[in-house]
Amino acid sequence: MPVPSRTVGHQTDPITHTVDARWLMSYAAGLGESDPAYFDTTRPMGVVAHPLFPVCIEWPTVLALRALEALTEEVTADENRRGIHATHDCVLIRPIQAGDVLTTVATVIGVERRQPGAFLTMDMVTTDGNGAVVCRTRQGSLYLATDVSGPDRPAPAEDPLPALPAAPIATEHVQLSSTAAHVYTECARIWNPIHTDLAVASAANLPGLILHGTATLAHAVSAAVRHLGGGDPLSVTRIRGRFAAMVPMACTLSVRVFANGRFEVCTEDGATAVRDGHVHLQ
C-alpha cells in the first residue's frame, strides 16, 4: 500500500521523559566512552549528555508517528516495519542535563516519491518544562519499494553542506563486538528487534544483525568531538548525516574526520555507512 502524502501536517501526541544521570551515563558507556565529562557526577553541572543523546528521547515519538491513523489507514504493519532511518539532522539549542523533564512532538513535514521508494520527513521538537526548545531533529525515513498516494509534498530544502576536503585530518577505527547492538539497545533504551533478534532480522531479509544507524552516527560524532571540539561535547550544536550501507557485527568501522566538520564512516569492506556527515561546532 502507498504512503499517503496527505499525512503531511499530521502530528503525534506529546511524549514526556524525565532524564536522569543514569540514562546519560549509560548512553555514553554503551558507546565505549571514557571521558569523565560523561560520568563524573561530582562536576558542578553534573554529567554531560552525549551530543546524540536526543535520539533516546525521540525514539518513542518515531514509533508514535508510524502509528498515526492517517498513515496506518493505507500503510500495512509490514510496510511500516520496512521504513528505514535514512537521514538525520539534529540542532542542539542547549545541553540536556540530568533532571530535565523533556517533551517531544513529531510532525510530518514531507512525503515524496524517490527511486528506492516513498520518502517521509518528520520534524521532532523537544521542549523543557518551561516550554523552551532544547533540540530539534529533522529525520527522513525511506519506505523501500513503496509508492506514494497523492501528489508529492516534499519537505523544505535542506541547507547545503560544506565541501568535502581532499583528505581527513584524522581516521579512527571503532571495533564493534558481536553484541554491540544489544548493548546500545539497552543503554539507549531504543529497542528495534531487527538489531538484536536474528529471527526478526531474517524475516526482514537482512543478512544478520545490524547496528543501529544512530549508534554508527554517534561514534562519528565522538570522533569529531575529540579531533575538532577539543574533547568538549558541549561544543556541538548541529549533527547531520545520511545512512547508506548496513553495519554488521562484529566488525571494525573507519571514521574519517575532516577539518571543516565533515565526516564519513566506512565498513570493513569499504562501503560507506554514513555519508554527507557534518558536525557544527561553536
C-alpha atoms as a PDB file:
ATOM      1  CA  MET A   1       0.000   0.000   0.000  1.00  0.00           C
ATOM      2  CA  PRO A   2       1.260   3.534  -0.690  1.00  0.00           C
ATOM      3  CA  VAL A   3       2.324   6.170   1.828  1.00  0.00           C
ATOM      4  CA  PRO A   4      -0.310   8.924   1.638  1.00  0.00           C
ATOM      5  CA  SER A   5       1.034  12.430   1.099  1.00  0.00           C
ATOM      6  CA  ARG A   6      -1.997  13.779   2.939  1.00  0.00           C
ATOM      7  CA  THR A   7      -0.243  12.820   6.186  1.00  0.00           C
ATOM      8  CA  VAL A   8       1.854  16.000   5.828  1.00  0.00           C
ATOM      9  CA  GLY A   9       0.917  18.260   8.714  1.00  0.00           C
ATOM     10  CA  HIS A  10      -0.233  15.442  10.982  1.00  0.00           C
ATOM     11  CA  GLN A  11       1.298  15.438  14.443  1.00  0.00           C
ATOM     12  CA  THR A  12       1.869  12.975  17.279  1.00  0.00           C
ATOM     13  CA  ASP A  13       0.668  13.441  20.817  1.00  0.00           C
ATOM     14  CA  PRO A  14       3.370  14.833  23.159  1.00  0.00           C
ATOM     15  CA  ILE A  15       5.612  12.256  24.833  1.00  0.00           C
ATOM     16  CA  THR A  16       7.418  13.258  28.030  1.00  0.00           C
ATOM     17  CA  HIS A  17      10.553  11.809  29.631  1.00  0.00           C
ATOM     18  CA  THR A  18      12.469  12.619  32.790  1.00  0.00           C
ATOM     19  CA  VAL A  19      16.197  12.417  32.076  1.00  0.00           C
ATOM     20  CA  ASP A  20      18.429  11.214  34.896  1.00  0.00           C
ATOM     21  CA  ALA A  21      22.191  10.829  35.261  1.00  0.00           C
ATOM     22  CA  ARG A  22      21.890   7.046  34.993  1.00  0.00           C
ATOM     23  CA  TRP A  23      20.456   7.296  31.466  1.00  0.00           C
ATOM     24  CA  LEU A  24      23.054   9.863  30.362  1.00  0.00           C
ATOM     25  CA  MET A  25      25.917   7.740  31.709  1.00  0.00           C
ATOM     26  CA  SER A  26      24.510   4.524  30.249  1.00  0.00           C
ATOM     27  CA  TYR A  27      24.269   6.025  26.765  1.00  0.00           C
ATOM     28  CA  ALA A  28      27.895   7.159  26.868  1.00  0.00           C
ATOM     29  CA  ALA A  29      29.013   3.795  28.271  1.00  0.00           C
ATOM     30  CA  GLY A  30      27.144   1.962  25.513  1.00  0.00           C
ATOM     31  CA  LEU A  31      29.340   3.810  23.006  1.00  0.00           C
ATOM     32  CA  GLY A  32      32.527   2.896  24.872  1.00  0.00           C
ATOM     33  CA  GLU A  33      33.172   6.456  26.029  1.00  0.00           C
ATOM     34  CA  SER A  34      35.610   7.035  28.902  1.00  0.00           C
ATOM     35  CA  ASP A  35      35.714  10.829  29.205  1.00  0.00           C
ATOM     36  CA  PRO A  36      34.915  11.848  32.827  1.00  0.00           C
ATOM     37  CA  ALA A  37      32.571  14.537  31.468  1.00  0.00           C
ATOM     38  CA  TYR A  38      30.080  11.757  30.732  1.00  0.00           C
ATOM     39  CA  PHE A  39      30.424  10.035  34.119  1.00  0.00           C
ATOM     40  CA  ASP A  40      31.655  12.393  36.862  1.00  0.00           C
ATOM     41  CA  THR A  41      28.557  13.237  38.878  1.00  0.00           C
ATOM     42  CA  THR A  42      30.601  15.471  41.213  1.00  0.00           C
ATOM     43  CA  ARG A  43      31.050  18.095  38.480  1.00  0.00           C
ATOM     44  CA  PRO A  44      29.280  21.401  39.277  1.00  0.00           C
ATOM     45  CA  MET A  45      26.941  20.985  36.295  1.00  0.00           C
ATOM     46  CA  GLY A  46      26.766  17.208  36.624  1.00  0.00           C
ATOM     47  CA  VAL A  47      27.409  14.756  33.810  1.00  0.00           C
ATOM     48  CA  VAL A  48      27.270  15.919  30.207  1.00  0.00           C
ATOM     49  CA  ALA A  49      24.895  14.375  27.663  1.00  0.00           C
ATOM     50  CA  HIS A  50      26.498  12.887  24.579  1.00  0.00           C
ATOM     51  CA  PRO A  51      25.607  15.167  21.635  1.00  0.00           C
ATOM     52  CA  LEU A  52      23.482  12.448  20.026  1.00  0.00           C
ATOM     53  CA  PHE A  53      21.578  11.590  23.223  1.00  0.00           C
ATOM     54  CA  PRO A  54      18.398  13.259  21.867  1.00  0.00           C
ATOM     55  CA  VAL A  55      17.775  10.113  19.783  1.00  0.00           C
ATOM     56  CA  CYS A  56      16.952   8.322  23.041  1.00  0.00           C
ATOM     57  CA  ILE A  57      14.018  10.533  23.931  1.00  0.00           C
ATOM     58  CA  GLU A  58      12.924  10.835  20.295  1.00  0.00           C
ATOM     59  CA  TRP A  59      12.583   7.099  19.603  1.00  0.00           C
ATOM     60  CA  PRO A  60       9.116   6.643  21.198  1.00  0.00           C
ATOM     61  CA  THR A  61       7.936   9.628  19.162  1.00  0.00           C
ATOM     62  CA  VAL A  62       9.206   7.975  15.959  1.00  0.00           C
ATOM     63  CA  LEU A  63       7.128   4.917  16.850  1.00  0.00           C
ATOM     64  CA  ALA A  64       4.122   7.108  17.625  1.00  0.00           C
ATOM     65  CA  LEU A  65       4.396   8.800  14.237  1.00  0.00           C
ATOM     66  CA  ARG A  66       4.473   5.433  12.479  1.00  0.00           C
ATOM     67  CA  ALA A  67       1.241   4.593  14.310  1.00  0.00           C
ATOM     68  CA  LEU A  68      -0.623   7.728  13.187  1.00  0.00           C
ATOM     69  CA  GLU A  69      -4.068   6.783  11.889  1.00  0.00           C
ATOM     70  CA  ALA A  70      -3.533   8.887   8.768  1.00  0.00           C
ATOM     71  CA  LEU A  71      -0.532   6.698   7.934  1.00  0.00           C
ATOM     72  CA  THR A  72      -1.773   3.279   9.041  1.00  0.00           C
ATOM     73  CA  GLU A  73      -5.023   3.647   7.086  1.00  0.00           C
ATOM     74  CA  GLU A  74      -3.024   2.896   3.944  1.00  0.00           C
ATOM     75  CA  VAL A  75       0.359   1.543   5.068  1.00  0.00           C
ATOM     76  CA  THR A  76       0.381  -2.030   6.351  1.00  0.00           C
ATOM     77  CA  ALA A  77       2.205  -3.047   9.512  1.00  0.00           C
ATOM     78  CA  ASP A  78       4.774  -4.919   7.409  1.00  0.00           C
ATOM     79  CA  GLU A  79       5.406  -1.872   5.237  1.00  0.00           C
ATOM     80  CA  ASN A  80       5.758   0.308   8.323  1.00  0.00           C
ATOM     81  CA  ARG A  81       8.421  -2.070   9.618  1.00  0.00           C
ATOM     82  CA  ARG A  82      10.270  -1.662   6.311  1.00  0.00           C
ATOM     83  CA  GLY A  83      10.613   2.070   6.895  1.00  0.00           C
ATOM     84  CA  ILE A  84      14.312   2.700   7.472  1.00  0.00           C
ATOM     85  CA  HIS A  85      16.086   5.660   9.037  1.00  0.00           C
ATOM     86  CA  ALA A  86      17.690   7.406   6.073  1.00  0.00           C
ATOM     87  CA  THR A  87      18.676  10.940   7.106  1.00  0.00           C
ATOM     88  CA  HIS A  88      19.306  12.767  10.373  1.00  0.00           C
ATOM     89  CA  ASP A  89      19.700  16.459  11.150  1.00  0.00           C
ATOM     90  CA  CYS A  90      19.728  17.419  14.841  1.00  0.00           C
ATOM     91  CA  VAL A  91      20.078  21.000  16.089  1.00  0.00           C
ATOM     92  CA  LEU A  92      21.085  21.322  19.754  1.00  0.00           C
ATOM     93  CA  ILE A  93      19.784  24.531  21.326  1.00  0.00           C
ATOM     94  CA  ARG A  94      21.102  23.796  24.806  1.00  0.00           C
ATOM     95  CA  PRO A  95      22.693  20.816  26.579  1.00  0.00           C
ATOM     96  CA  ILE A  96      20.418  18.126  28.004  1.00  0.00           C
ATOM     97  CA  GLN A  97      21.022  17.730  31.736  1.00  0.00           C
ATOM     98  CA  ALA A  98      20.058  15.280  34.459  1.00  0.00           C
ATOM     99  CA  GLY A  99      16.735  16.303  35.941  1.00  0.00           C
ATOM    100  CA  ASP A 100      15.354  17.695  32.679  1.00  0.00           C
ATOM    101  CA  VAL A 101      11.699  16.919  32.002  1.00  0.00           C
ATOM    102  CA  LEU A 102      11.508  16.921  28.214  1.00  0.00           C
ATOM    103  CA  THR A 103       8.516  16.663  25.894  1.00  0.00           C
ATOM    104  CA  THR A 104       8.784  15.701  22.225  1.00  0.00           C
ATOM    105  CA  VAL A 105       6.257  16.141  19.417  1.00  0.00           C
ATOM    106  CA  ALA A 106       6.740  14.957  15.830  1.00  0.00           C
ATOM    107  CA  THR A 107       5.127  16.452  12.735  1.00  0.00           C
ATOM    108  CA  VAL A 108       5.148  15.021   9.204  1.00  0.00           C
ATOM    109  CA  ILE A 109       6.643  17.759   7.008  1.00  0.00           C
ATOM    110  CA  GLY A 110       7.161  15.891   3.740  1.00  0.00           C
ATOM    111  CA  VAL A 111       6.161  12.840   1.704  1.00  0.00           C
ATOM    112  CA  GLU A 112       7.541  12.271  -1.786  1.00  0.00           C
ATOM    113  CA  ARG A 113       8.439   9.627  -4.341  1.00  0.00           C
ATOM    114  CA  ARG A 114      12.074   8.647  -4.676  1.00  0.00           C
ATOM    115  CA  GLN A 115      13.685   5.935  -6.775  1.00  0.00           C
ATOM    116  CA  PRO A 116      14.012   3.367  -3.927  1.00  0.00           C
ATOM    117  CA  GLY A 117      10.532   4.104  -2.537  1.00  0.00           C
ATOM    118  CA  ALA A 118       8.455   6.585  -0.552  1.00  0.00           C
ATOM    119  CA  PHE A 119      10.399   9.158   1.477  1.00  0.00           C
ATOM    120  CA  LEU A 120       8.785  10.625   4.603  1.00  0.00           C
ATOM    121  CA  THR A 121      10.316  13.525   6.540  1.00  0.00           C
ATOM    122  CA  MET A 122       9.392  14.330  10.130  1.00  0.00           C
ATOM    123  CA  ASP A 123      10.275  17.259  12.350  1.00  0.00           C
ATOM    124  CA  MET A 124      10.697  16.429  16.049  1.00  0.00           C
ATOM    125  CA  VAL A 125      10.741  19.296  18.535  1.00  0.00           C
ATOM    126  CA  THR A 126      11.743  18.735  22.164  1.00  0.00           C
ATOM    127  CA  THR A 127      10.919  21.326  24.826  1.00  0.00           C
ATOM    128  CA  ASP A 128      11.640  21.605  28.535  1.00  0.00           C
ATOM    129  CA  GLY A 129       9.252  22.221  31.418  1.00  0.00           C
ATOM    130  CA  ASN A 130       9.191  25.931  30.629  1.00  0.00           C
ATOM    131  CA  GLY A 131       8.281  25.342  27.003  1.00  0.00           C
ATOM    132  CA  ALA A 132      11.717  26.356  25.710  1.00  0.00           C
ATOM    133  CA  VAL A 133      13.073  24.363  22.766  1.00  0.00           C
ATOM    134  CA  VAL A 134      16.007  22.149  23.784  1.00  0.00           C
ATOM    135  CA  CYS A 135      16.642  20.361  20.475  1.00  0.00           C
ATOM    136  CA  ARG A 136      15.054  19.848  17.095  1.00  0.00           C
ATOM    137  CA  THR A 137      15.563  16.939  14.705  1.00  0.00           C
ATOM    138  CA  ARG A 138      14.600  16.575  11.079  1.00  0.00           C
ATOM    139  CA  GLN A 139      14.569  12.862  10.270  1.00  0.00           C
ATOM    140  CA  GLY A 140      13.937  11.152   6.949  1.00  0.00           C
ATOM    141  CA  SER A 141      12.538   7.633   6.589  1.00  0.00           C
ATOM    142  CA  LEU A 142      12.598   5.604   3.392  1.00  0.00           C
ATOM    143  CA  TYR A 143       9.854   3.048   2.743  1.00  0.00           C
ATOM    144  CA  LEU A 144      11.564   0.680   0.315  1.00  0.00           C
ATOM    145  CA  ALA A 145       9.604  -0.444  -2.758  1.00  0.00           C
ATOM    146  CA  THR A 146       6.579   1.531  -1.589  1.00  0.00           C
ATOM    147  CA  ASP A 147       4.664   4.098  -3.648  1.00  0.00           C
ATOM    148  CA  VAL A 148       3.058   7.400  -2.610  1.00  0.00           C
ATOM    149  CA  SER A 149      -0.640   8.161  -2.930  1.00  0.00           C
ATOM    150  CA  GLY A 150      -1.453  11.751  -3.807  1.00  0.00           C
ATOM    151  CA  PRO A 151       0.888  14.432  -5.131  1.00  0.00           C
ATOM    152  CA  ASP A 152       4.466  14.685  -3.898  1.00  0.00           C
ATOM    153  CA  ARG A 153       4.753  17.086  -0.967  1.00  0.00           C
ATOM    154  CA  PRO A 154       8.496  17.341  -0.321  1.00  0.00           C
ATOM    155  CA  ALA A 155       9.915  18.867   2.841  1.00  0.00           C
ATOM    156  CA  PRO A 156      11.617  22.270   2.584  1.00  0.00           C
ATOM    157  CA  ALA A 157      15.078  22.068   1.038  1.00  0.00           C
ATOM    158  CA  GLU A 158      17.993  21.400   3.378  1.00  0.00           C
ATOM    159  CA  ASP A 159      20.922  23.769   3.876  1.00  0.00           C
ATOM    160  CA  PRO A 160      23.894  22.915   1.648  1.00  0.00           C
ATOM    161  CA  LEU A 161      26.845  21.115   3.222  1.00  0.00           C
ATOM    162  CA  PRO A 162      30.386  22.487   3.153  1.00  0.00           C
ATOM    163  CA  ALA A 163      32.551  20.798   0.513  1.00  0.00           C
ATOM    164  CA  LEU A 164      34.304  17.574   1.461  1.00  0.00           C
ATOM    165  CA  PRO A 165      38.068  18.253   1.753  1.00  0.00           C
ATOM    166  CA  ALA A 166      40.514  16.094  -0.166  1.00  0.00           C
ATOM    167  CA  ALA A 167      41.950  14.380   2.897  1.00  0.00           C
ATOM    168  CA  PRO A 168      40.869  13.817   6.514  1.00  0.00           C
ATOM    169  CA  ILE A 169      42.776  15.220   9.467  1.00  0.00           C
ATOM    170  CA  ALA A 170      42.179  12.025  11.444  1.00  0.00           C
ATOM    171  CA  THR A 171      40.915   8.476  10.992  1.00  0.00           C
ATOM    172  CA  GLU A 172      39.648   6.443  13.946  1.00  0.00           C
ATOM    173  CA  HIS A 173      38.913   2.727  13.947  1.00  0.00           C
ATOM    174  CA  VAL A 174      35.974   1.573  16.050  1.00  0.00           C
ATOM    175  CA  GLN A 175      35.880  -2.120  16.914  1.00  0.00           C
ATOM    176  CA  LEU A 176      32.349  -3.439  17.297  1.00  0.00           C
ATOM    177  CA  SER A 177      31.697  -6.687  19.136  1.00  0.00           C
ATOM    178  CA  SER A 178      29.021  -9.177  18.124  1.00  0.00           C
ATOM    179  CA  THR A 179      26.855  -7.800  20.964  1.00  0.00           C
ATOM    180  CA  ALA A 180      27.307  -4.092  20.200  1.00  0.00           C
ATOM    181  CA  ALA A 181      23.667  -3.680  19.140  1.00  0.00           C
ATOM    182  CA  HIS A 182      22.395  -5.418  22.285  1.00  0.00           C
ATOM    183  CA  VAL A 183      24.463  -3.086  24.459  1.00  0.00           C
ATOM    184  CA  TYR A 184      23.344   0.011  22.557  1.00  0.00           C
ATOM    185  CA  THR A 185      19.704  -1.104  22.694  1.00  0.00           C
ATOM    186  CA  GLU A 186      19.658  -1.326  26.472  1.00  0.00           C
ATOM    187  CA  CYS A 187      21.854   1.706  27.187  1.00  0.00           C
ATOM    188  CA  ALA A 188      19.999   3.995  24.784  1.00  0.00           C
ATOM    189  CA  ARG A 189      16.575   2.449  25.553  1.00  0.00           C
ATOM    190  CA  ILE A 190      15.999   2.182  21.813  1.00  0.00           C
ATOM    191  CA  TRP A 191      14.544  -1.232  21.034  1.00  0.00           C
ATOM    192  CA  ASN A 192      14.020  -2.356  17.466  1.00  0.00           C
ATOM    193  CA  PRO A 193      14.276  -6.158  17.242  1.00  0.00           C
ATOM    194  CA  ILE A 194      15.941  -6.168  13.795  1.00  0.00           C
ATOM    195  CA  HIS A 195      19.109  -5.180  15.661  1.00  0.00           C
ATOM    196  CA  THR A 196      19.006  -7.870  18.364  1.00  0.00           C
ATOM    197  CA  ASP A 197      16.728 -10.731  17.265  1.00  0.00           C
ATOM    198  CA  LEU A 198      18.045 -12.944  14.460  1.00  0.00           C
ATOM    199  CA  ALA A 199      14.601 -14.318  13.658  1.00  0.00           C
ATOM    200  CA  VAL A 200      13.210 -10.807  13.160  1.00  0.00           C
ATOM    201  CA  ALA A 201      16.246  -9.725  11.144  1.00  0.00           C
ATOM    202  CA  SER A 202      15.889 -12.778   8.884  1.00  0.00           C
ATOM    203  CA  ALA A 203      12.187 -12.108   8.379  1.00  0.00           C
ATOM    204  CA  ALA A 204      13.151  -8.589   7.244  1.00  0.00           C
ATOM    205  CA  ASN A 205      15.543 -10.127   4.666  1.00  0.00           C
ATOM    206  CA  LEU A 206      18.621  -8.808   6.458  1.00  0.00           C
ATOM    207  CA  PRO A 207      21.883 -10.771   6.218  1.00  0.00           C
ATOM    208  CA  GLY A 208      22.146 -10.794  10.022  1.00  0.00           C
ATOM    209  CA  LEU A 209      22.007  -8.406  12.947  1.00  0.00           C
ATOM    210  CA  ILE A 210      22.991  -4.851  12.053  1.00  0.00           C
ATOM    211  CA  LEU A 211      23.982  -1.914  14.239  1.00  0.00           C
ATOM    212  CA  HIS A 212      21.568   0.964  14.787  1.00  0.00           C
ATOM    213  CA  GLY A 213      22.232   3.854  12.435  1.00  0.00           C
ATOM    214  CA  THR A 214      22.216   6.246  15.378  1.00  0.00           C
ATOM    215  CA  ALA A 215      24.947   4.214  17.088  1.00  0.00           C
ATOM    216  CA  THR A 216      27.129   4.441  13.979  1.00  0.00           C
ATOM    217  CA  LEU A 217      26.447   8.179  13.785  1.00  0.00           C
ATOM    218  CA  ALA A 218      27.219   8.631  17.488  1.00  0.00           C
ATOM    219  CA  HIS A 219      30.660   7.028  17.069  1.00  0.00           C
ATOM    220  CA  ALA A 220      31.413   9.522  14.303  1.00  0.00           C
ATOM    221  CA  VAL A 221      30.268  12.441  16.455  1.00  0.00           C
ATOM    222  CA  SER A 222      32.505  11.243  19.288  1.00  0.00           C
ATOM    223  CA  ALA A 223      35.494  11.218  16.942  1.00  0.00           C
ATOM    224  CA  ALA A 224      34.669  14.734  15.733  1.00  0.00           C
ATOM    225  CA  VAL A 225      34.462  15.973  19.322  1.00  0.00           C
ATOM    226  CA  ARG A 226      37.912  14.552  20.061  1.00  0.00           C
ATOM    227  CA  HIS A 227      39.607  15.913  16.938  1.00  0.00           C
ATOM    228  CA  LEU A 228      37.747  19.165  16.310  1.00  0.00           C
ATOM    229  CA  GLY A 229      35.935  20.103  19.502  1.00  0.00           C
ATOM    230  CA  GLY A 230      38.808  19.943  21.959  1.00  0.00           C
ATOM    231  CA  GLY A 231      37.149  16.967  23.624  1.00  0.00           C
ATOM    232  CA  ASP A 232      34.202  19.122  24.745  1.00  0.00           C
ATOM    233  CA  PRO A 233      30.796  17.554  23.923  1.00  0.00           C
ATOM    234  CA  LEU A 234      29.136  20.915  24.586  1.00  0.00           C
ATOM    235  CA  SER A 235      30.875  22.360  21.531  1.00  0.00           C
ATOM    236  CA  VAL A 236      28.488  20.500  19.186  1.00  0.00           C
ATOM    237  CA  THR A 237      25.454  22.496  18.033  1.00  0.00           C
ATOM    238  CA  ARG A 238      24.311  20.508  14.985  1.00  0.00           C
ATOM    239  CA  ILE A 239      24.735  16.975  13.616  1.00  0.00           C
ATOM    240  CA  ARG A 240      23.870  15.857  10.093  1.00  0.00           C
ATOM    241  CA  GLY A 241      24.281  12.600   8.218  1.00  0.00           C
ATOM    242  CA  ARG A 242      22.789  10.163   5.698  1.00  0.00           C
ATOM    243  CA  PHE A 243      22.719   6.421   6.290  1.00  0.00           C
ATOM    244  CA  ALA A 244      23.838   4.196   3.440  1.00  0.00           C
ATOM    245  CA  ALA A 245      25.458   0.778   3.927  1.00  0.00           C
ATOM    246  CA  MET A 246      24.429  -1.548   6.757  1.00  0.00           C
ATOM    247  CA  VAL A 247      26.889  -2.186   9.594  1.00  0.00           C
ATOM    248  CA  PRO A 248      27.186  -5.886  10.504  1.00  0.00           C
ATOM    249  CA  MET A 249      28.617  -7.202  13.756  1.00  0.00           C
ATOM    250  CA  ALA A 250      31.306  -7.925  14.683  1.00  0.00           C
ATOM    251  CA  CYS A 251      33.328  -5.533  12.536  1.00  0.00           C
ATOM    252  CA  THR A 252      35.643  -2.542  12.576  1.00  0.00           C
ATOM    253  CA  LEU A 253      34.396   0.847  11.423  1.00  0.00           C
ATOM    254  CA  SER A 254      36.642   3.558   9.987  1.00  0.00           C
ATOM    255  CA  VAL A 255      35.629   7.108  10.906  1.00  0.00           C
ATOM    256  CA  ARG A 256      37.237   9.831   8.815  1.00  0.00           C
ATOM    257  CA  VAL A 257      37.117  13.363  10.258  1.00  0.00           C
ATOM    258  CA  PHE A 258      37.789  16.447   8.130  1.00  0.00           C
ATOM    259  CA  ALA A 259      38.933  19.924   9.191  1.00  0.00           C
ATOM    260  CA  ASN A 260      35.658  21.662   8.336  1.00  0.00           C
ATOM    261  CA  GLY A 261      33.477  19.358  10.421  1.00  0.00           C
ATOM    262  CA  ARG A 262      32.654  16.902   7.650  1.00  0.00           C
ATOM    263  CA  PHE A 263      32.952  13.178   8.392  1.00  0.00           C
ATOM    264  CA  GLU A 264      32.184   9.799   6.900  1.00  0.00           C
ATOM    265  CA  VAL A 265      32.013   6.260   8.250  1.00  0.00           C
ATOM    266  CA  CYS A 266      33.062   3.174   6.268  1.00  0.00           C
ATOM    267  CA  THR A 267      32.712  -0.541   6.934  1.00  0.00           C
ATOM    268  CA  GLU A 268      35.493  -3.128   6.660  1.00  0.00           C
ATOM    269  CA  ASP A 269      34.616  -3.854   3.043  1.00  0.00           C
ATOM    270  CA  GLY A 270      34.894  -0.179   2.121  1.00  0.00           C
ATOM    271  CA  ALA A 271      31.170   0.576   1.904  1.00  0.00           C
ATOM    272  CA  THR A 272      30.062   3.981   3.202  1.00  0.00           C
ATOM    273  CA  ALA A 273      27.794   3.520   6.225  1.00  0.00           C
ATOM    274  CA  VAL A 274      27.321   7.251   6.903  1.00  0.00           C
ATOM    275  CA  ARG A 275      27.794   9.825   4.167  1.00  0.00           C
ATOM    276  CA  ASP A 276      27.231  13.580   3.992  1.00  0.00           C
ATOM    277  CA  GLY A 277      28.201  13.762   7.651  1.00  0.00           C
ATOM    278  CA  HIS A 278      28.756  17.136   9.268  1.00  0.00           C
ATOM    279  CA  VAL A 279      29.196  18.365  12.836  1.00  0.00           C
ATOM    280  CA  HIS A 280      28.813  22.088  13.524  1.00  0.00           C
ATOM    281  CA  LEU A 281      30.929  23.298  16.440  1.00  0.00           C
ATOM    282  CA  GLN A 282      30.626  26.560  18.341  1.00  0.00           C
END
